[in-house]
PDB file of N, CA and C in Angstrom:
ATOM      1  N   UNK A   1     -20.072  18.853  52.904  1.00  0.00           N
ATOM      2  CA  UNK A   1     -19.493  18.556  51.624  1.00  0.00           C
ATOM      3  C   UNK A   1     -18.345  18.383  51.159  1.00  0.00           C
ATOM      4  N   UNK A   2     -17.153  18.280  51.791  1.00  0.00           N
ATOM      5  CA  UNK A   2     -16.036  18.157  51.548  1.00  0.00           C
ATOM      6  C   UNK A   2     -16.061  16.641  52.356  1.00  0.00           C
ATOM      7  N   UNK A   3     -16.283  16.564  53.194  1.00  0.00           N
ATOM      8  CA  UNK A   3     -16.254  14.730  53.350  1.00  0.00           C
ATOM      9  C   UNK A   3     -17.294  13.900  52.979  1.00  0.00           C
ATOM     10  N   UNK A   4     -18.276  14.319  52.147  1.00  0.00           N
ATOM     11  CA  UNK A   4     -19.007  13.764  50.912  1.00  0.00           C
ATOM     12  C   UNK A   4     -18.031  13.313  49.689  1.00  0.00           C
ATOM     13  N   UNK A   5     -17.246  14.528  49.268  1.00  0.00           N
ATOM     14  CA  UNK A   5     -16.027  14.660  48.071  1.00  0.00           C
ATOM     15  C   UNK A   5     -14.966  13.663  48.530  1.00  0.00           C
ATOM     16  N   UNK A   6     -14.470  13.403  49.664  1.00  0.00           N
ATOM     17  CA  UNK A   6     -13.348  12.567  49.790  1.00  0.00           C
ATOM     18  C   UNK A   6     -14.129  11.326  49.560  1.00  0.00           C
ATOM     19  N   UNK A   7     -14.913  10.967  50.454  1.00  0.00           N
ATOM     20  CA  UNK A   7     -15.554   9.323  50.053  1.00  0.00           C
ATOM     21  C   UNK A   7     -15.934   9.293  48.718  1.00  0.00           C
ATOM     22  N   UNK A   8     -16.683   9.662  48.162  1.00  0.00           N
ATOM     23  CA  UNK A   8     -17.033   9.593  46.448  1.00  0.00           C
ATOM     24  C   UNK A   8     -15.648   9.511  46.093  1.00  0.00           C
ATOM     25  N   UNK A   9     -14.325  10.139  46.331  1.00  0.00           N
ATOM     26  CA  UNK A   9     -13.051  10.048  45.418  1.00  0.00           C
ATOM     27  C   UNK A   9     -12.287   8.866  45.575  1.00  0.00           C
ATOM     28  N   UNK A  10     -12.653   8.191  47.457  1.00  0.00           N
ATOM     29  CA  UNK A  10     -12.240   7.108  47.611  1.00  0.00           C
ATOM     30  C   UNK A  10     -12.588   5.874  47.273  1.00  0.00           C
ATOM     31  N   UNK A  11     -14.355   6.025  46.721  1.00  0.00           N
ATOM     32  CA  UNK A  11     -14.551   4.766  47.120  1.00  0.00           C
ATOM     33  C   UNK A  11     -14.429   4.882  44.989  1.00  0.00           C
ATOM     34  N   UNK A  12     -14.201   5.649  44.403  1.00  0.00           N
ATOM     35  CA  UNK A  12     -13.895   5.445  42.907  1.00  0.00           C
ATOM     36  C   UNK A  12     -12.818   5.263  42.742  1.00  0.00           C
ATOM     37  N   UNK A  13     -11.765   5.543  43.430  1.00  0.00           N
ATOM     38  CA  UNK A  13     -10.241   5.364  43.087  1.00  0.00           C
ATOM     39  C   UNK A  13      -9.964   4.283  43.775  1.00  0.00           C
ATOM     40  N   UNK A  14     -10.534   3.557  44.578  1.00  0.00           N
ATOM     41  CA  UNK A  14     -10.225   2.222  45.110  1.00  0.00           C
ATOM     42  C   UNK A  14     -10.057   0.912  44.591  1.00  0.00           C
ATOM     43  N   UNK A  15      -8.609   0.353  44.526  1.00  0.00           N
ATOM     44  CA  UNK A  15      -8.613  -0.992  44.050  1.00  0.00           C
ATOM     45  C   UNK A  15      -9.919  -2.051  43.581  1.00  0.00           C
ATOM     46  N   UNK A  16     -11.002  -1.595  44.936  1.00  0.00           N
ATOM     47  CA  UNK A  16     -12.238  -2.705  44.720  1.00  0.00           C
ATOM     48  C   UNK A  16     -13.160  -1.850  44.590  1.00  0.00           C
ATOM     49  N   UNK A  17     -13.105  -0.785  43.717  1.00  0.00           N
ATOM     50  CA  UNK A  17     -14.208  -0.096  43.845  1.00  0.00           C
ATOM     51  C   UNK A  17     -15.494  -0.189  42.592  1.00  0.00           C
ATOM     52  N   UNK A  18     -14.824  -1.349  42.113  1.00  0.00           N
ATOM     53  CA  UNK A  18     -15.766  -2.088  41.014  1.00  0.00           C
ATOM     54  C   UNK A  18     -16.777  -2.827  42.370  1.00  0.00           C
ATOM     55  N   UNK A  19     -16.808  -3.031  43.061  1.00  0.00           N
ATOM     56  CA  UNK A  19     -17.897  -3.513  44.256  1.00  0.00           C
ATOM     57  C   UNK A  19     -18.871  -2.906  44.753  1.00  0.00           C
ATOM     58  N   UNK A  20     -18.688  -1.490  44.694  1.00  0.00           N
ATOM     59  CA  UNK A  20     -19.646  -0.295  45.069  1.00  0.00           C
ATOM     60  C   UNK A  20     -20.456  -0.025  44.007  1.00  0.00           C
ATOM     61  N   UNK A  21     -21.945  -0.011  44.511  1.00  0.00           N
ATOM     62  CA  UNK A  21     -22.884   0.924  43.417  1.00  0.00           C
ATOM     63  C   UNK A  21     -23.354   1.443  44.103  1.00  0.00           C
ATOM     64  N   UNK A  22     -23.566   2.730  43.090  1.00  0.00           N
ATOM     65  CA  UNK A  22     -24.218   4.395  43.591  1.00  0.00           C
ATOM     66  C   UNK A  22     -26.146   3.302  43.978  1.00  0.00           C
ATOM     67  N   UNK A  23     -26.617   4.134  44.816  1.00  0.00           N
ATOM     68  CA  UNK A  23     -27.534   3.754  45.612  1.00  0.00           C
ATOM     69  C   UNK A  23     -28.931   4.999  45.551  1.00  0.00           C
ATOM     70  N   UNK A  24     -28.324   6.053  45.155  1.00  0.00           N
ATOM     71  CA  UNK A  24     -29.301   7.217  45.012  1.00  0.00           C
ATOM     72  C   UNK A  24     -28.609   8.478  45.769  1.00  0.00           C
ATOM     73  N   UNK A  25     -29.187   8.957  46.773  1.00  0.00           N
ATOM     74  CA  UNK A  25     -29.446  10.262  47.381  1.00  0.00           C
ATOM     75  C   UNK A  25     -29.678  10.262  48.842  1.00  0.00           C
ATOM     76  N   UNK A  26     -29.460  10.766  49.664  1.00  0.00           N
ATOM     77  CA  UNK A  26     -29.964  10.760  51.025  1.00  0.00           C
ATOM     78  C   UNK A  26     -30.764  12.229  51.103  1.00  0.00           C
ATOM     79  N   UNK A  27     -31.643  12.248  52.706  1.00  0.00           N
ATOM     80  CA  UNK A  27     -32.171  13.573  52.396  1.00  0.00           C
ATOM     81  C   UNK A  27     -31.516  14.864  52.289  1.00  0.00           C
ATOM     82  N   UNK A  28     -30.243  14.811  52.070  1.00  0.00           N
ATOM     83  CA  UNK A  28     -29.774  15.652  52.141  1.00  0.00           C
ATOM     84  C   UNK A  28     -29.231  16.501  51.189  1.00  0.00           C
ATOM     85  N   UNK A  29     -29.516  15.228  50.192  1.00  0.00           N
ATOM     86  CA  UNK A  29     -28.249  15.016  48.738  1.00  0.00           C
ATOM     87  C   UNK A  29     -27.395  14.570  48.525  1.00  0.00           C
ATOM     88  N   UNK A  30     -26.772  13.877  49.297  1.00  0.00           N
ATOM     89  CA  UNK A  30     -25.466  13.177  49.504  1.00  0.00           C
ATOM     90  C   UNK A  30     -25.478  12.091  48.818  1.00  0.00           C
ATOM     91  N   UNK A  31     -24.797  11.324  47.838  1.00  0.00           N
ATOM     92  CA  UNK A  31     -24.887  10.465  47.592  1.00  0.00           C
ATOM     93  C   UNK A  31     -24.623   9.131  48.237  1.00  0.00           C
ATOM     94  N   UNK A  32     -25.497   7.873  47.980  1.00  0.00           N
ATOM     95  CA  UNK A  32     -25.297   6.763  48.913  1.00  0.00           C
ATOM     96  C   UNK A  32     -24.911   5.713  47.943  1.00  0.00           C
ATOM     97  N   UNK A  33     -24.163   4.800  48.559  1.00  0.00           N
ATOM     98  CA  UNK A  33     -23.299   3.995  48.115  1.00  0.00           C
ATOM     99  C   UNK A  33     -23.856   2.524  48.722  1.00  0.00           C
ATOM    100  N   UNK A  34     -23.370   1.529  48.136  1.00  0.00           N
ATOM    101  CA  UNK A  34     -23.689   0.050  48.856  1.00  0.00           C
ATOM    102  C   UNK A  34     -23.058  -1.163  47.930  1.00  0.00           C
ATOM    103  N   UNK A  35     -22.690  -2.283  48.687  1.00  0.00           N
ATOM    104  CA  UNK A  35     -22.152  -3.063  48.455  1.00  0.00           C
ATOM    105  C   UNK A  35     -22.867  -4.666  48.852  1.00  0.00           C
ATOM    106  N   UNK A  36     -22.477  -5.735  48.084  1.00  0.00           N
ATOM    107  CA  UNK A  36     -23.188  -6.728  48.746  1.00  0.00           C
ATOM    108  C   UNK A  36     -22.475  -7.319  49.321  1.00  0.00           C
ATOM    109  N   UNK A  37     -22.772  -8.573  50.386  1.00  0.00           N
ATOM    110  CA  UNK A  37     -22.156  -8.546  51.648  1.00  0.00           C
ATOM    111  C   UNK A  37     -21.008  -9.869  51.096  1.00  0.00           C
ATOM    112  N   UNK A  38     -21.128 -10.356  50.155  1.00  0.00           N
ATOM    113  CA  UNK A  38     -19.900 -11.275  49.378  1.00  0.00           C
ATOM    114  C   UNK A  38     -18.771 -10.572  49.237  1.00  0.00           C
ATOM    115  N   UNK A  39     -18.713  -9.197  49.153  1.00  0.00           N
ATOM    116  CA  UNK A  39     -18.162  -8.459  48.220  1.00  0.00           C
ATOM    117  C   UNK A  39     -17.125  -7.738  49.599  1.00  0.00           C
ATOM    118  N   UNK A  40     -17.584  -7.321  51.026  1.00  0.00           N
ATOM    119  CA  UNK A  40     -17.109  -6.876  52.185  1.00  0.00           C
ATOM    120  C   UNK A  40     -16.204  -7.620  51.858  1.00  0.00           C
ATOM    121  N   UNK A  41     -14.930  -6.371  53.171  1.00  0.00           N
ATOM    122  CA  UNK A  41     -13.926  -7.259  53.804  1.00  0.00           C
ATOM    123  C   UNK A  41     -13.276  -6.234  54.947  1.00  0.00           C
ATOM    124  N   UNK A  42     -12.135  -7.145  55.706  1.00  0.00           N
ATOM    125  CA  UNK A  42     -12.404  -6.339  57.404  1.00  0.00           C
ATOM    126  C   UNK A  42     -11.434  -5.135  56.932  1.00  0.00           C
ATOM    127  N   UNK A  43     -12.022  -3.950  57.894  1.00  0.00           N
ATOM    128  CA  UNK A  43     -11.642  -2.851  57.398  1.00  0.00           C
ATOM    129  C   UNK A  43     -12.483  -1.776  56.681  1.00  0.00           C
ATOM    130  N   UNK A  44     -14.104  -2.757  55.901  1.00  0.00           N
ATOM    131  CA  UNK A  44     -14.663  -1.589  55.202  1.00  0.00           C
ATOM    132  C   UNK A  44     -15.704  -0.785  56.354  1.00  0.00           C
ATOM    133  N   UNK A  45     -16.126   0.300  56.105  1.00  0.00           N
ATOM    134  CA  UNK A  45     -16.618   1.115  57.129  1.00  0.00           C
ATOM    135  C   UNK A  45     -18.462   0.728  56.177  1.00  0.00           C
ATOM    136  N   UNK A  46     -19.150   0.501  57.027  1.00  0.00           N
ATOM    137  CA  UNK A  46     -20.828   0.263  56.622  1.00  0.00           C
ATOM    138  C   UNK A  46     -21.350   1.344  57.522  1.00  0.00           C
ATOM    139  N   UNK A  47     -22.671   2.058  56.687  1.00  0.00           N
ATOM    140  CA  UNK A  47     -23.396   2.803  57.048  1.00  0.00           C
ATOM    141  C   UNK A  47     -24.007   2.607  58.885  1.00  0.00           C
ATOM    142  N   UNK A  48     -24.014   2.939  59.516  1.00  0.00           N
ATOM    143  CA  UNK A  48     -24.502   2.970  60.946  1.00  0.00           C
ATOM    144  C   UNK A  48     -24.134   1.835  61.561  1.00  0.00           C
ATOM    145  N   UNK A  49     -23.013   1.002  61.251  1.00  0.00           N
ATOM    146  CA  UNK A  49     -22.587  -0.688  61.657  1.00  0.00           C
ATOM    147  C   UNK A  49     -21.021  -0.051  61.829  1.00  0.00           C
ATOM    148  N   UNK A  50     -20.569   1.071  61.492  1.00  0.00           N
ATOM    149  CA  UNK A  50     -19.053   0.714  61.416  1.00  0.00           C
ATOM    150  C   UNK A  50     -18.176  -0.069  60.726  1.00  0.00           C
ATOM    151  N   UNK A  51     -16.839  -0.075  61.385  1.00  0.00           N
ATOM    152  CA  UNK A  51     -15.817  -0.851  60.575  1.00  0.00           C
ATOM    153  C   UNK A  51     -16.491  -2.493  60.581  1.00  0.00           C
ATOM    154  N   UNK A  52     -15.970  -3.271  59.408  1.00  0.00           N
ATOM    155  CA  UNK A  52     -16.173  -4.712  59.615  1.00  0.00           C
ATOM    156  C   UNK A  52     -14.691  -4.957  60.526  1.00  0.00           C
ATOM    157  N   UNK A  53     -15.242  -5.716  61.773  1.00  0.00           N
ATOM    158  CA  UNK A  53     -13.829  -6.119  62.463  1.00  0.00           C
ATOM    159  C   UNK A  53     -13.693  -7.740  62.158  1.00  0.00           C
ATOM    160  N   UNK A  54     -14.374  -8.719  61.739  1.00  0.00           N
ATOM    161  CA  UNK A  54     -14.415  -9.591  61.111  1.00  0.00           C
ATOM    162  C   UNK A  54     -15.005 -10.270  59.830  1.00  0.00           C
ATOM    163  N   UNK A  55     -14.558 -11.378  59.184  1.00  0.00           N
ATOM    164  CA  UNK A  55     -15.520 -11.389  57.876  1.00  0.00           C
ATOM    165  C   UNK A  55     -15.190 -12.899  57.304  1.00  0.00           C
ATOM    166  N   UNK A  56     -15.702 -13.858  57.345  1.00  0.00           N
ATOM    167  CA  UNK A  56     -15.785 -14.337  56.748  1.00  0.00           C
ATOM    168  C   UNK A  56     -16.919 -15.429  56.246  1.00  0.00           C
ATOM    169  N   UNK A  57     -16.609 -16.528  55.419  1.00  0.00           N
ATOM    170  CA  UNK A  57     -17.760 -17.199  54.449  1.00  0.00           C
ATOM    171  C   UNK A  57     -17.655 -18.349  55.282  1.00  0.00           C
ATOM    172  N   UNK A  58     -19.341 -18.533  55.406  1.00  0.00           N
ATOM    173  CA  UNK A  58     -19.399 -19.679  56.564  1.00  0.00           C
ATOM    174  C   UNK A  58     -20.168 -20.901  55.565  1.00  0.00           C
ATOM    175  N   UNK A  59     -20.683 -22.274  56.238  1.00  0.00           N
ATOM    176  CA  UNK A  59     -21.691 -22.713  55.049  1.00  0.00           C
ATOM    177  C   UNK A  59     -22.819 -22.582  54.615  1.00  0.00           C
ATOM    178  N   UNK A  60     -22.471 -23.222  53.523  1.00  0.00           N
ATOM    179  CA  UNK A  60     -23.981 -22.659  52.917  1.00  0.00           C
ATOM    180  C   UNK A  60     -25.173 -23.161  53.358  1.00  0.00           C
ATOM    181  N   UNK A  61     -26.573 -22.565  53.163  1.00  0.00           N
ATOM    182  CA  UNK A  61     -27.677 -22.442  53.855  1.00  0.00           C
ATOM    183  C   UNK A  61     -28.684 -22.767  52.959  1.00  0.00           C
ATOM    184  N   UNK A  62     -29.546 -23.764  52.062  1.00  0.00           N
ATOM    185  CA  UNK A  62     -30.245 -23.801  51.356  1.00  0.00           C
ATOM    186  C   UNK A  62     -29.819 -23.112  49.549  1.00  0.00           C
ATOM    187  N   UNK A  63     -28.793 -23.570  49.358  1.00  0.00           N
ATOM    188  CA  UNK A  63     -27.986 -22.984  48.402  1.00  0.00           C
ATOM    189  C   UNK A  63     -27.563 -21.831  48.303  1.00  0.00           C
ATOM    190  N   UNK A  64     -27.628 -21.047  49.359  1.00  0.00           N
ATOM    191  CA  UNK A  64     -26.887 -19.675  49.707  1.00  0.00           C
ATOM    192  C   UNK A  64     -25.948 -19.426  49.737  1.00  0.00           C
ATOM    193  N   UNK A  65     -24.623 -18.904  49.884  1.00  0.00           N
ATOM    194  CA  UNK A  65     -23.441 -18.641  50.313  1.00  0.00           C
ATOM    195  C   UNK A  65     -24.194 -17.776  51.194  1.00  0.00           C
ATOM    196  N   UNK A  66     -22.726 -18.131  52.821  1.00  0.00           N
ATOM    197  CA  UNK A  66     -23.190 -17.378  53.787  1.00  0.00           C
ATOM    198  C   UNK A  66     -22.226 -16.901  53.883  1.00  0.00           C
ATOM    199  N   UNK A  67     -22.369 -15.630  54.826  1.00  0.00           N
ATOM    200  CA  UNK A  67     -21.094 -14.855  55.414  1.00  0.00           C
ATOM    201  C   UNK A  67     -21.720 -14.482  56.997  1.00  0.00           C
ATOM    202  N   UNK A  68     -20.557 -14.557  57.820  1.00  0.00           N
ATOM    203  CA  UNK A  68     -20.285 -14.237  59.261  1.00  0.00           C
ATOM    204  C   UNK A  68     -19.609 -12.782  58.979  1.00  0.00           C
ATOM    205  N   UNK A  69     -20.313 -11.617  59.645  1.00  0.00           N
ATOM    206  CA  UNK A  69     -19.121 -10.254  59.858  1.00  0.00           C
ATOM    207  C   UNK A  69     -19.784 -10.039  61.302  1.00  0.00           C
ATOM    208  N   UNK A  70     -18.583  -9.349  61.802  1.00  0.00           N
ATOM    209  CA  UNK A  70     -18.375  -8.816  63.122  1.00  0.00           C
ATOM    210  C   UNK A  70     -18.441  -7.366  63.121  1.00  0.00           C
ATOM    211  N   UNK A  71     -19.109  -6.486  63.307  1.00  0.00           N
ATOM    212  CA  UNK A  71     -19.328  -4.737  63.378  1.00  0.00           C
ATOM    213  C   UNK A  71     -18.825  -4.283  64.658  1.00  0.00           C
ATOM    214  N   UNK A  72     -18.325  -2.733  64.284  1.00  0.00           N
ATOM    215  CA  UNK A  72     -17.846  -1.827  65.106  1.00  0.00           C
ATOM    216  C   UNK A  72     -18.996  -1.726  66.331  1.00  0.00           C
ATOM    217  N   UNK A  73     -20.244  -1.538  65.677  1.00  0.00           N
ATOM    218  CA  UNK A  73     -21.404  -0.911  66.374  1.00  0.00           C
ATOM    219  C   UNK A  73     -22.588  -1.942  66.521  1.00  0.00           C
ATOM    220  N   UNK A  74     -23.173  -2.497  67.701  1.00  0.00           N
ATOM    221  CA  UNK A  74     -24.206  -3.670  67.654  1.00  0.00           C
ATOM    222  C   UNK A  74     -25.543  -2.793  66.806  1.00  0.00           C
ATOM    223  N   UNK A  75     -26.471  -3.755  66.906  1.00  0.00           N
ATOM    224  CA  UNK A  75     -27.311  -3.223  66.075  1.00  0.00           C
ATOM    225  C   UNK A  75     -28.717  -4.103  66.776  1.00  0.00           C
ATOM    226  N   UNK A  76     -29.977  -3.630  66.876  1.00  0.00           N
ATOM    227  CA  UNK A  76     -30.967  -4.699  67.342  1.00  0.00           C
ATOM    228  C   UNK A  76     -31.784  -5.567  66.253  1.00  0.00           C
ATOM    229  N   UNK A  77     -31.404  -6.302  65.836  1.00  0.00           N
ATOM    230  CA  UNK A  77     -32.250  -7.439  65.114  1.00  0.00           C
ATOM    231  C   UNK A  77     -32.404  -9.089  65.810  1.00  0.00           C
ATOM    232  N   UNK A  78     -33.444  -9.271  66.337  1.00  0.00           N
ATOM    233  CA  UNK A  78     -34.323  -8.647  66.918  1.00  0.00           C
ATOM    234  C   UNK A  78     -33.716  -8.226  68.402  1.00  0.00           C
ATOM    235  N   UNK A  79     -32.494  -8.892  68.674  1.00  0.00           N
ATOM    236  CA  UNK A  79     -31.603  -8.567  69.690  1.00  0.00           C
ATOM    237  C   UNK A  79     -30.292  -7.819  69.935  1.00  0.00           C
ATOM    238  N   UNK A  80     -29.719  -7.038  70.508  1.00  0.00           N
ATOM    239  CA  UNK A  80     -28.667  -6.256  70.141  1.00  0.00           C
ATOM    240  C   UNK A  80     -27.243  -7.067  70.026  1.00  0.00           C
ATOM    241  N   UNK A  81     -26.957  -7.188  68.962  1.00  0.00           N
ATOM    242  CA  UNK A  81     -25.753  -7.577  68.514  1.00  0.00           C
ATOM    243  C   UNK A  81     -24.969  -7.018  67.401  1.00  0.00           C
ATOM    244  N   UNK A  82     -23.582  -7.882  67.426  1.00  0.00           N
ATOM    245  CA  UNK A  82     -22.713  -7.238  66.409  1.00  0.00           C
ATOM    246  C   UNK A  82     -21.859  -8.309  65.467  1.00  0.00           C
ATOM    247  N   UNK A  83     -22.702  -9.415  65.963  1.00  0.00           N
ATOM    248  CA  UNK A  83     -22.151 -10.527  64.634  1.00  0.00           C
ATOM    249  C   UNK A  83     -23.839 -11.084  64.130  1.00  0.00           C
ATOM    250  N   UNK A  84     -23.594 -10.821  62.932  1.00  0.00           N
ATOM    251  CA  UNK A  84     -24.322 -10.930  61.654  1.00  0.00           C
ATOM    252  C   UNK A  84     -23.990 -12.397  61.037  1.00  0.00           C
ATOM    253  N   UNK A  85     -24.514 -13.319  60.470  1.00  0.00           N
ATOM    254  CA  UNK A  85     -24.543 -14.785  59.569  1.00  0.00           C
ATOM    255  C   UNK A  85     -25.789 -14.352  58.546  1.00  0.00           C
ATOM    256  N   UNK A  86     -24.932 -13.514  57.148  1.00  0.00           N
ATOM    257  CA  UNK A  86     -26.120 -13.457  56.610  1.00  0.00           C
ATOM    258  C   UNK A  86     -26.001 -13.535  54.879  1.00  0.00           C
ATOM    259  N   UNK A  87     -26.839 -14.035  54.244  1.00  0.00           N
ATOM    260  CA  UNK A  87     -26.646 -14.934  53.110  1.00  0.00           C
ATOM    261  C   UNK A  87     -26.159 -13.617  51.890  1.00  0.00           C
ATOM    262  N   UNK A  88     -25.500 -14.058  50.971  1.00  0.00           N
ATOM    263  CA  UNK A  88     -24.745 -13.438  49.749  1.00  0.00           C
ATOM    264  C   UNK A  88     -25.327 -12.192  49.312  1.00  0.00           C
ATOM    265  N   UNK A  89     -26.662 -12.210  49.036  1.00  0.00           N
ATOM    266  CA  UNK A  89     -27.439 -11.539  48.059  1.00  0.00           C
ATOM    267  C   UNK A  89     -28.033 -10.215  49.090  1.00  0.00           C
ATOM    268  N   UNK A  90     -27.542  -9.876  50.041  1.00  0.00           N
ATOM    269  CA  UNK A  90     -28.033  -9.167  51.330  1.00  0.00           C
ATOM    270  C   UNK A  90     -27.055  -7.715  50.415  1.00  0.00           C
ATOM    271  N   UNK A  91     -27.300  -6.480  51.040  1.00  0.00           N
ATOM    272  CA  UNK A  91     -26.363  -4.818  50.491  1.00  0.00           C
ATOM    273  C   UNK A  91     -26.458  -4.471  51.780  1.00  0.00           C
ATOM    274  N   UNK A  92     -25.599  -3.613  51.835  1.00  0.00           N
ATOM    275  CA  UNK A  92     -25.234  -2.899  52.729  1.00  0.00           C
ATOM    276  C   UNK A  92     -24.783  -1.627  52.474  1.00  0.00           C
ATOM    277  N   UNK A  93     -24.998  -0.191  53.222  1.00  0.00           N
ATOM    278  CA  UNK A  93     -24.841   0.800  52.937  1.00  0.00           C
ATOM    279  C   UNK A  93     -22.853   1.231  53.398  1.00  0.00           C
ATOM    280  N   UNK A  94     -22.475   1.871  52.249  1.00  0.00           N
ATOM    281  CA  UNK A  94     -20.743   1.636  52.426  1.00  0.00           C
ATOM    282  C   UNK A  94     -20.587   3.422  52.558  1.00  0.00           C
ATOM    283  N   UNK A  95     -19.661   3.564  53.520  1.00  0.00           N
ATOM    284  CA  UNK A  95     -19.163   4.782  53.708  1.00  0.00           C
ATOM    285  C   UNK A  95     -17.594   5.045  53.231  1.00  0.00           C
ATOM    286  N   UNK A  96     -16.884   3.538  53.261  1.00  0.00           N
ATOM    287  CA  UNK A  96     -15.552   3.358  53.321  1.00  0.00           C
ATOM    288  C   UNK A  96     -15.281   2.069  52.699  1.00  0.00           C
ATOM    289  N   UNK A  97     -14.285   2.213  51.889  1.00  0.00           N
ATOM    290  CA  UNK A  97     -13.442   0.487  51.560  1.00  0.00           C
ATOM    291  C   UNK A  97     -12.341   0.426  52.765  1.00  0.00           C
ATOM    292  N   UNK A  98     -11.367  -0.183  52.626  1.00  0.00           N
ATOM    293  CA  UNK A  98     -10.814  -0.686  53.666  1.00  0.00           C
ATOM    294  C   UNK A  98      -9.449  -0.301  53.247  1.00  0.00           C
ATOM    295  N   UNK A  99      -8.368   0.377  53.674  1.00  0.00           N
ATOM    296  CA  UNK A  99      -7.266   1.127  53.292  1.00  0.00           C
ATOM    297  C   UNK A  99      -6.811  -0.456  52.297  1.00  0.00           C
ATOM    298  N   UNK A 100      -5.682  -0.223  51.584  1.00  0.00           N
ATOM    299  CA  UNK A 100      -5.184  -1.258  51.036  1.00  0.00           C
ATOM    300  C   UNK A 100      -3.559  -1.007  51.445  1.00  0.00           C
ATOM    301  N   UNK A 101      -2.934  -2.233  52.264  1.00  0.00           N
ATOM    302  CA  UNK A 101      -1.742  -2.340  53.072  1.00  0.00           C
ATOM    303  C   UNK A 101      -0.954  -2.602  52.004  1.00  0.00           C
ATOM    304  N   UNK A 102       0.612  -2.092  52.080  1.00  0.00           N
ATOM    305  CA  UNK A 102       1.353  -2.189  50.614  1.00  0.00           C
ATOM    306  C   UNK A 102       2.309  -3.357  51.290  1.00  0.00           C
TER     307      UNK A 102
END
């Protein structure tokens, strides 16, 4: 519970907190949050993917802005990879925003 409260506080007080949307609760009752891929940054932590290690905008496809991200943990889609090229409208579960450097 304390970890969950720490996450909620960090997501609400972070300078980029406006990009985070509440998504509901998981099966344990803990609140879940998400953000559109276009608002992510290096260092953000995604549920199941780990930290975003690289993030950049790439060439548009069919009128959609596209983003390339490299994550800490590979996923199967349909092969195991940690490099994703996705359109701007996708959302990812978020567990922490990157710490701001002073």
